[in-house]
Amino acid sequence: MSLGILLLSAADAFLTGILLVHGADEINPVMAALLYRSVAMFAAFKMAMTGAGIMVMVFLARYQFMRVIRVQLVLYAVLTVYAWLIGYEVWMLGGSGELPLL
């Protein structure tokens, strides 16, 4: 699951770059600032933050977040959201006309 999240995060960074070349805009202000400064810095920061978050969640996988939901389920949710995001980005690349915001 962790490896899947990291791979989808890398795919997201790659697809984001392609979409930006085709006229899309990055709406996350932190990532936009990094992206327009240096693509390498954007990719490194994105992978570092994703990796750090995954390491913490894997370490705490058996614990409950706010005593309500197991952290392991949060990992599944992150994987699902990334899969949806990749699908959305692929859909945007396949569509014609003006690209929406990322």
N, C-alpha and C. Protein backbone atom coordinates (compact mmCIF):
# COMPACT_ATOMS: atom_id res chain seq x y z
N MET A 1 0.83 -1.18 0.00
CA MET A 1 0.00 0.00 0.00
C MET A 1 0.88 1.26 0.00
N SER A 2 1.92 1.25 0.81
CA SER A 2 2.81 2.41 0.88
C SER A 2 3.51 2.65 -0.45
N LEU A 3 3.98 1.58 -1.04
CA LEU A 3 4.65 1.71 -2.33
C LEU A 3 3.68 2.22 -3.39
N GLY A 4 2.44 1.74 -3.34
CA GLY A 4 1.42 2.22 -4.27
C GLY A 4 1.19 3.71 -4.14
N ILE A 5 1.14 4.20 -2.91
CA ILE A 5 0.95 5.64 -2.68
C ILE A 5 2.13 6.43 -3.24
N LEU A 6 3.35 5.95 -2.99
CA LEU A 6 4.52 6.65 -3.51
C LEU A 6 4.55 6.66 -5.04
N LEU A 7 4.20 5.53 -5.65
CA LEU A 7 4.17 5.47 -7.11
C LEU A 7 3.11 6.39 -7.69
N LEU A 8 1.94 6.41 -7.06
CA LEU A 8 0.88 7.30 -7.53
C LEU A 8 1.26 8.76 -7.31
N SER A 9 1.99 9.06 -6.25
CA SER A 9 2.45 10.42 -6.01
C SER A 9 3.43 10.84 -7.10
N ALA A 10 4.33 9.94 -7.47
CA ALA A 10 5.28 10.24 -8.55
C ALA A 10 4.53 10.43 -9.88
N ALA A 11 3.54 9.58 -10.13
CA ALA A 11 2.73 9.71 -11.35
C ALA A 11 1.99 11.04 -11.34
N ASP A 12 1.50 11.45 -10.18
CA ASP A 12 0.81 12.73 -10.06
C ASP A 12 1.75 13.88 -10.41
N ALA A 13 2.98 13.84 -9.90
CA ALA A 13 3.95 14.90 -10.21
C ALA A 13 4.23 14.95 -11.71
N PHE A 14 4.39 13.80 -12.32
CA PHE A 14 4.66 13.71 -13.76
C PHE A 14 3.48 14.26 -14.56
N LEU A 15 2.28 13.79 -14.23
CA LEU A 15 1.09 14.25 -14.95
C LEU A 15 0.81 15.73 -14.73
N THR A 16 1.12 16.21 -13.54
CA THR A 16 0.96 17.65 -13.26
C THR A 16 1.85 18.45 -14.20
N GLY A 17 3.08 18.00 -14.38
CA GLY A 17 3.99 18.69 -15.30
C GLY A 17 3.46 18.71 -16.72
N ILE A 18 2.94 17.58 -17.17
CA ILE A 18 2.38 17.51 -18.52
C ILE A 18 1.17 18.44 -18.65
N LEU A 19 0.31 18.43 -17.65
CA LEU A 19 -0.88 19.28 -17.70
C LEU A 19 -0.51 20.76 -17.69
N LEU A 20 0.51 21.12 -16.93
CA LEU A 20 0.93 22.52 -16.89
C LEU A 20 1.46 22.98 -18.24
N VAL A 21 2.16 22.09 -18.94
CA VAL A 21 2.65 22.42 -20.28
C VAL A 21 1.48 22.66 -21.23
N HIS A 22 0.37 21.94 -20.97
CA HIS A 22 -0.80 22.08 -21.83
C HIS A 22 -1.77 23.18 -21.37
N GLY A 23 -1.37 23.97 -20.39
CA GLY A 23 -2.17 25.13 -20.03
C GLY A 23 -2.95 25.05 -18.73
N ALA A 24 -2.81 23.98 -17.97
CA ALA A 24 -3.50 23.90 -16.67
C ALA A 24 -2.77 24.79 -15.65
N ASP A 25 -3.41 25.04 -14.53
CA ASP A 25 -2.83 25.83 -13.45
C ASP A 25 -2.78 25.01 -12.18
N GLU A 26 -1.72 25.18 -11.41
CA GLU A 26 -1.60 24.55 -10.09
C GLU A 26 -2.28 25.47 -9.08
N ILE A 27 -3.28 24.95 -8.36
CA ILE A 27 -4.00 25.82 -7.43
C ILE A 27 -3.49 25.73 -6.00
N ASN A 28 -2.66 24.74 -5.68
CA ASN A 28 -2.05 24.66 -4.36
C ASN A 28 -0.95 25.71 -4.31
N PRO A 29 -1.11 26.75 -3.49
CA PRO A 29 -0.14 27.86 -3.52
C PRO A 29 1.28 27.45 -3.14
N VAL A 30 1.44 26.52 -2.21
CA VAL A 30 2.78 26.09 -1.81
C VAL A 30 3.45 25.35 -2.96
N MET A 31 2.73 24.40 -3.55
CA MET A 31 3.30 23.63 -4.64
C MET A 31 3.50 24.52 -5.88
N ALA A 32 2.61 25.47 -6.11
CA ALA A 32 2.77 26.38 -7.25
C ALA A 32 4.04 27.21 -7.10
N ALA A 33 4.30 27.70 -5.89
CA ALA A 33 5.51 28.50 -5.66
C ALA A 33 6.76 27.66 -5.92
N LEU A 34 6.75 26.42 -5.44
CA LEU A 34 7.90 25.54 -5.69
C LEU A 34 8.03 25.19 -7.16
N LEU A 35 6.91 24.92 -7.78
CA LEU A 35 6.90 24.49 -9.18
C LEU A 35 7.43 25.58 -10.10
N TYR A 36 7.01 26.81 -9.88
CA TYR A 36 7.46 27.89 -10.74
C TYR A 36 8.88 28.34 -10.42
N ARG A 37 9.39 27.96 -9.28
CA ARG A 37 10.78 28.26 -8.94
C ARG A 37 11.70 27.21 -9.53
N SER A 38 11.36 25.92 -9.32
CA SER A 38 12.20 24.84 -9.81
C SER A 38 11.39 23.55 -9.84
N VAL A 39 11.34 22.92 -10.99
CA VAL A 39 10.61 21.65 -11.13
C VAL A 39 11.25 20.58 -10.25
N ALA A 40 12.57 20.59 -10.17
CA ALA A 40 13.28 19.60 -9.34
C ALA A 40 12.92 19.80 -7.86
N MET A 41 12.85 21.05 -7.43
CA MET A 41 12.48 21.34 -6.04
C MET A 41 11.04 20.90 -5.77
N PHE A 42 10.15 21.14 -6.72
CA PHE A 42 8.76 20.71 -6.60
C PHE A 42 8.69 19.20 -6.43
N ALA A 43 9.37 18.46 -7.30
CA ALA A 43 9.32 17.00 -7.25
C ALA A 43 9.94 16.46 -5.96
N ALA A 44 11.07 17.03 -5.58
CA ALA A 44 11.74 16.58 -4.35
C ALA A 44 10.88 16.84 -3.12
N PHE A 45 10.28 18.02 -3.04
CA PHE A 45 9.44 18.37 -1.89
C PHE A 45 8.20 17.47 -1.85
N LYS A 46 7.59 17.26 -3.00
CA LYS A 46 6.39 16.42 -3.07
C LYS A 46 6.68 15.00 -2.61
N MET A 47 7.77 14.42 -3.12
CA MET A 47 8.10 13.05 -2.75
C MET A 47 8.55 12.96 -1.29
N ALA A 48 9.29 13.96 -0.81
CA ALA A 48 9.73 13.95 0.58
C ALA A 48 8.55 14.05 1.54
N MET A 49 7.61 14.94 1.24
CA MET A 49 6.45 15.09 2.12
C MET A 49 5.56 13.85 2.08
N THR A 50 5.37 13.30 0.89
CA THR A 50 4.57 12.07 0.78
C THR A 50 5.25 10.93 1.51
N GLY A 51 6.55 10.78 1.30
CA GLY A 51 7.29 9.71 1.97
C GLY A 51 7.28 9.84 3.48
N ALA A 52 7.47 11.05 3.97
CA ALA A 52 7.46 11.28 5.43
C ALA A 52 6.08 10.97 6.01
N GLY A 53 5.04 11.41 5.33
CA GLY A 53 3.68 11.14 5.80
C GLY A 53 3.38 9.64 5.82
N ILE A 54 3.82 8.94 4.79
CA ILE A 54 3.59 7.50 4.74
C ILE A 54 4.35 6.79 5.85
N MET A 55 5.61 7.19 6.07
CA MET A 55 6.39 6.54 7.13
C MET A 55 5.70 6.70 8.48
N VAL A 56 5.21 7.89 8.77
CA VAL A 56 4.52 8.12 10.04
C VAL A 56 3.26 7.27 10.12
N MET A 57 2.47 7.24 9.04
CA MET A 57 1.23 6.48 9.07
C MET A 57 1.47 4.98 9.15
N VAL A 58 2.51 4.48 8.49
CA VAL A 58 2.83 3.05 8.59
C VAL A 58 3.27 2.71 10.01
N PHE A 59 4.09 3.58 10.60
CA PHE A 59 4.53 3.37 11.97
C PHE A 59 3.34 3.34 12.94
N LEU A 60 2.33 4.16 12.67
CA LEU A 60 1.16 4.27 13.55
C LEU A 60 -0.06 3.51 13.02
N ALA A 61 0.14 2.60 12.08
CA ALA A 61 -0.97 1.94 11.39
C ALA A 61 -1.94 1.24 12.34
N ARG A 62 -1.48 0.73 13.43
CA ARG A 62 -2.35 -0.01 14.35
C ARG A 62 -3.04 0.90 15.38
N TYR A 63 -2.67 2.16 15.38
CA TYR A 63 -3.28 3.11 16.30
C TYR A 63 -4.55 3.71 15.70
N GLN A 64 -5.32 4.38 16.55
CA GLN A 64 -6.53 5.05 16.06
C GLN A 64 -6.30 6.54 16.03
N PHE A 65 -6.70 7.15 14.91
CA PHE A 65 -6.59 8.58 14.76
C PHE A 65 -7.76 9.23 15.50
N MET A 66 -7.42 10.07 16.47
CA MET A 66 -8.41 10.77 17.30
C MET A 66 -9.39 9.78 17.95
N ARG A 67 -8.91 8.57 18.20
CA ARG A 67 -9.69 7.49 18.83
C ARG A 67 -10.96 7.13 18.06
N VAL A 68 -10.94 7.40 16.77
CA VAL A 68 -12.13 7.16 15.95
C VAL A 68 -11.84 6.16 14.84
N ILE A 69 -10.77 6.38 14.09
CA ILE A 69 -10.50 5.58 12.91
C ILE A 69 -9.06 5.10 12.93
N ARG A 70 -8.86 3.84 12.54
CA ARG A 70 -7.50 3.29 12.51
C ARG A 70 -6.70 3.99 11.42
N VAL A 71 -5.46 4.26 11.74
CA VAL A 71 -4.56 4.93 10.80
C VAL A 71 -4.40 4.09 9.53
N GLN A 72 -4.47 2.78 9.66
CA GLN A 72 -4.39 1.90 8.50
C GLN A 72 -5.49 2.24 7.48
N LEU A 73 -6.67 2.56 7.96
CA LEU A 73 -7.75 2.94 7.05
C LEU A 73 -7.49 4.28 6.39
N VAL A 74 -6.78 5.15 7.08
CA VAL A 74 -6.40 6.43 6.48
C VAL A 74 -5.45 6.18 5.31
N LEU A 75 -4.54 5.21 5.46
CA LEU A 75 -3.65 4.85 4.35
C LEU A 75 -4.45 4.38 3.14
N TYR A 76 -5.45 3.56 3.37
CA TYR A 76 -6.31 3.11 2.27
C TYR A 76 -7.03 4.30 1.62
N ALA A 77 -7.45 5.24 2.44
CA ALA A 77 -8.13 6.42 1.91
C ALA A 77 -7.18 7.26 1.05
N VAL A 78 -5.95 7.42 1.51
CA VAL A 78 -4.96 8.18 0.74
C VAL A 78 -4.69 7.49 -0.60
N LEU A 79 -4.56 6.18 -0.58
CA LEU A 79 -4.35 5.42 -1.81
C LEU A 79 -5.53 5.61 -2.77
N THR A 80 -6.74 5.57 -2.23
CA THR A 80 -7.94 5.74 -3.05
C THR A 80 -8.01 7.14 -3.65
N VAL A 81 -7.70 8.15 -2.86
CA VAL A 81 -7.73 9.53 -3.36
C VAL A 81 -6.68 9.73 -4.45
N TYR A 82 -5.49 9.18 -4.25
CA TYR A 82 -4.46 9.30 -5.28
C TYR A 82 -4.88 8.60 -6.57
N ALA A 83 -5.49 7.43 -6.45
CA ALA A 83 -5.97 6.72 -7.64
C ALA A 83 -7.02 7.55 -8.37
N TRP A 84 -7.92 8.17 -7.62
CA TRP A 84 -8.93 9.03 -8.22
C TRP A 84 -8.27 10.23 -8.91
N LEU A 85 -7.28 10.82 -8.25
CA LEU A 85 -6.58 11.98 -8.80
C LEU A 85 -5.88 11.63 -10.11
N ILE A 86 -5.23 10.48 -10.17
CA ILE A 86 -4.56 10.06 -11.40
C ILE A 86 -5.61 9.87 -12.50
N GLY A 87 -6.72 9.27 -12.17
CA GLY A 87 -7.80 9.11 -13.14
C GLY A 87 -8.29 10.45 -13.65
N TYR A 88 -8.43 11.41 -12.77
CA TYR A 88 -8.88 12.76 -13.14
C TYR A 88 -7.87 13.42 -14.06
N GLU A 89 -6.59 13.29 -13.74
CA GLU A 89 -5.56 13.90 -14.57
C GLU A 89 -5.51 13.25 -15.95
N VAL A 90 -5.65 11.95 -16.01
CA VAL A 90 -5.68 11.26 -17.30
C VAL A 90 -6.91 11.71 -18.09
N TRP A 91 -8.03 11.86 -17.42
CA TRP A 91 -9.25 12.35 -18.07
C TRP A 91 -9.03 13.76 -18.64
N MET A 92 -8.36 14.63 -17.87
CA MET A 92 -8.08 15.97 -18.35
C MET A 92 -7.17 15.93 -19.58
N LEU A 93 -6.20 15.04 -19.59
CA LEU A 93 -5.29 14.94 -20.74
C LEU A 93 -6.03 14.43 -21.97
N GLY A 94 -7.00 13.56 -21.77
CA GLY A 94 -7.73 13.00 -22.89
C GLY A 94 -8.82 13.89 -23.42
N GLY A 95 -9.26 14.83 -22.62
CA GLY A 95 -10.34 15.73 -23.02
C GLY A 95 -9.84 16.80 -23.99
N SER A 96 -10.78 17.40 -24.64
CA SER A 96 -10.42 18.50 -25.55
C SER A 96 -10.91 19.81 -24.96
N GLY A 97 -10.41 20.88 -25.47
CA GLY A 97 -10.83 22.19 -24.98
C GLY A 97 -9.96 22.68 -23.86
N GLU A 98 -10.48 23.61 -23.09
CA GLU A 98 -9.73 24.25 -22.02
C GLU A 98 -9.56 23.32 -20.83
N LEU A 99 -8.35 23.30 -20.27
CA LEU A 99 -8.07 22.46 -19.11
C LEU A 99 -8.52 23.18 -17.84
N PRO A 100 -9.14 22.46 -16.93
CA PRO A 100 -9.53 23.07 -15.64
C PRO A 100 -8.31 23.20 -14.73
N LEU A 101 -8.53 23.74 -13.57
CA LEU A 101 -7.47 23.87 -12.57
C LEU A 101 -7.14 22.50 -11.99
N LEU A 102 -5.89 22.32 -11.58
CA LEU A 102 -5.48 21.07 -10.93
C LEU A 102 -5.83 21.09 -9.47
